């Protein structure tokens, strides 16, 4: 499941930058390395919420700094909404 989430998140980021060859690492910073601005981050959050059927509060959005932060956020919300 984690690989699928990672694939989908990375695909969203590459589409946002219109760069399918964009090299992403878990430590890639959303603003400084990828070049997202505040509007991009809001759109990314909305896309994540829609795609994964989760809700990300604004306070969490402000804490997303890296690709890994995004992956962890999605994983946390998916785990909370679908406990095993």
C-alpha atoms as a PDB file:
ATOM      1  CA  UNK A   1       0.000   0.000   0.000  1.00  0.00           C
ATOM      2  CA  UNK A   2       2.811   2.414   0.850  1.00  0.00           C
ATOM      3  CA  UNK A   3       4.365   2.034  -2.601  1.00  0.00           C
ATOM      4  CA  UNK A   4       1.046   2.808  -4.250  1.00  0.00           C
ATOM      5  CA  UNK A   5       0.637   5.925  -2.100  1.00  0.00           C
ATOM      6  CA  UNK A   6       4.196   7.010  -2.894  1.00  0.00           C
ATOM      7  CA  UNK A   7       3.667   6.453  -6.615  1.00  0.00           C
ATOM      8  CA  UNK A   8       0.443   8.473  -6.638  1.00  0.00           C
ATOM      9  CA  UNK A   9       1.852  11.337  -4.552  1.00  0.00           C
ATOM     10  CA  UNK A  10       4.953  11.568  -6.735  1.00  0.00           C
ATOM     11  CA  UNK A  11       2.802  11.498  -9.869  1.00  0.00           C
ATOM     12  CA  UNK A  12       0.747  14.400  -8.494  1.00  0.00           C
ATOM     13  CA  UNK A  13       3.916  16.397  -7.822  1.00  0.00           C
ATOM     14  CA  UNK A  14       5.342  15.697 -11.284  1.00  0.00           C
ATOM     15  CA  UNK A  15       2.089  16.747 -12.932  1.00  0.00           C
ATOM     16  CA  UNK A  16       1.960  19.885 -10.813  1.00  0.00           C
ATOM     17  CA  UNK A  17       5.425  20.837 -12.090  1.00  0.00           C
ATOM     18  CA  UNK A  18       4.613  19.569 -15.594  1.00  0.00           C
ATOM     19  CA  UNK A  19       7.841  17.606 -15.450  1.00  0.00           C
ATOM     20  CA  UNK A  20       7.492  13.831 -15.731  1.00  0.00           C
ATOM     21  CA  UNK A  21      11.257  13.430 -15.309  1.00  0.00           C
ATOM     22  CA  UNK A  22      11.356  15.331 -12.002  1.00  0.00           C
ATOM     23  CA  UNK A  23      13.593  13.406  -9.615  1.00  0.00           C
ATOM     24  CA  UNK A  24      11.923  13.121  -6.232  1.00  0.00           C
ATOM     25  CA  UNK A  25      13.399  11.847  -2.989  1.00  0.00           C
ATOM     26  CA  UNK A  26      11.690  11.560   0.389  1.00  0.00           C
ATOM     27  CA  UNK A  27      13.831  14.492   1.523  1.00  0.00           C
ATOM     28  CA  UNK A  28      12.897  16.686  -1.466  1.00  0.00           C
ATOM     29  CA  UNK A  29      11.493  19.935  -0.097  1.00  0.00           C
ATOM     30  CA  UNK A  30       8.158  20.946  -1.569  1.00  0.00           C
ATOM     31  CA  UNK A  31       8.949  24.648  -1.833  1.00  0.00           C
ATOM     32  CA  UNK A  32      12.719  24.889  -2.221  1.00  0.00           C
ATOM     33  CA  UNK A  33      13.497  21.788  -4.283  1.00  0.00           C
ATOM     34  CA  UNK A  34      10.272  21.172  -6.206  1.00  0.00           C
ATOM     35  CA  UNK A  35       9.210  24.813  -6.496  1.00  0.00           C
ATOM     36  CA  UNK A  36       5.673  24.668  -5.151  1.00  0.00           C
ATOM     37  CA  UNK A  37       4.087  27.881  -3.920  1.00  0.00           C
ATOM     38  CA  UNK A  38       1.267  28.301  -1.404  1.00  0.00           C
ATOM     39  CA  UNK A  39      -1.433  27.858  -4.047  1.00  0.00           C
ATOM     40  CA  UNK A  40       0.261  24.693  -5.316  1.00  0.00           C
ATOM     41  CA  UNK A  41       0.311  23.310  -1.766  1.00  0.00           C
ATOM     42  CA  UNK A  42      -3.397  23.976  -1.327  1.00  0.00           C
ATOM     43  CA  UNK A  43      -4.161  22.318  -4.669  1.00  0.00           C
ATOM     44  CA  UNK A  44      -1.960  19.364  -3.754  1.00  0.00           C
ATOM     45  CA  UNK A  45      -3.822  18.984  -0.475  1.00  0.00           C
ATOM     46  CA  UNK A  46      -7.180  19.121  -2.226  1.00  0.00           C
ATOM     47  CA  UNK A  47      -6.016  16.497  -4.732  1.00  0.00           C
ATOM     48  CA  UNK A  48      -4.775  14.253  -1.914  1.00  0.00           C
ATOM     49  CA  UNK A  49      -8.058  14.612  -0.044  1.00  0.00           C
ATOM     50  CA  UNK A  50     -10.041  13.767  -3.162  1.00  0.00           C
ATOM     51  CA  UNK A  51      -7.840  10.878  -4.283  1.00  0.00           C
ATOM     52  CA  UNK A  52      -7.493   9.185  -0.896  1.00  0.00           C
ATOM     53  CA  UNK A  53     -10.867  10.202   0.613  1.00  0.00           C
ATOM     54  CA  UNK A  54      -9.234  11.865   3.610  1.00  0.00           C
ATOM     55  CA  UNK A  55      -9.390  15.291   5.212  1.00  0.00           C
ATOM     56  CA  UNK A  56      -6.184  17.201   5.930  1.00  0.00           C
ATOM     57  CA  UNK A  57      -6.664  20.082   8.380  1.00  0.00           C
ATOM     58  CA  UNK A  58      -5.056  23.434   7.549  1.00  0.00           C
ATOM     59  CA  UNK A  59      -2.757  23.106  10.570  1.00  0.00           C
ATOM     60  CA  UNK A  60      -1.289  19.937   9.058  1.00  0.00           C
ATOM     61  CA  UNK A  61      -0.949  21.535   5.652  1.00  0.00           C
ATOM     62  CA  UNK A  62       1.336  24.141   7.183  1.00  0.00           C
ATOM     63  CA  UNK A  63       3.597  21.363   8.503  1.00  0.00           C
ATOM     64  CA  UNK A  64       4.169  19.690   5.121  1.00  0.00           C
ATOM     65  CA  UNK A  65       7.724  20.499   4.102  1.00  0.00           C
ATOM     66  CA  UNK A  66       9.045  17.417   2.287  1.00  0.00           C
ATOM     67  CA  UNK A  67       7.765  14.592   0.120  1.00  0.00           C
ATOM     68  CA  UNK A  68       8.119  12.303   3.155  1.00  0.00           C
ATOM     69  CA  UNK A  69       5.932  14.654   5.206  1.00  0.00           C
ATOM     70  CA  UNK A  70       3.214  14.314   2.571  1.00  0.00           C
ATOM     71  CA  UNK A  71       3.544  10.530   2.501  1.00  0.00           C
ATOM     72  CA  UNK A  72       3.403  10.333   6.296  1.00  0.00           C
ATOM     73  CA  UNK A  73       0.368  12.616   6.401  1.00  0.00           C
ATOM     74  CA  UNK A  74      -1.560  10.523   3.880  1.00  0.00           C
ATOM     75  CA  UNK A  75      -0.551   7.298   5.618  1.00  0.00           C
ATOM     76  CA  UNK A  76      -1.653   8.631   9.014  1.00  0.00           C
ATOM     77  CA  UNK A  77      -5.053   9.702   7.718  1.00  0.00           C
ATOM     78  CA  UNK A  78      -5.591   6.459   5.829  1.00  0.00           C
ATOM     79  CA  UNK A  79      -4.695   4.446   8.911  1.00  0.00           C
ATOM     80  CA  UNK A  80      -7.105   6.486  11.027  1.00  0.00           C
ATOM     81  CA  UNK A  81      -9.967   6.086   8.564  1.00  0.00           C
ATOM     82  CA  UNK A  82      -9.336   2.371   7.910  1.00  0.00           C
ATOM     83  CA  UNK A  83      -8.079   0.813  11.154  1.00  0.00           C
ATOM     84  CA  UNK A  84      -7.008  -2.805  10.866  1.00  0.00           C
END
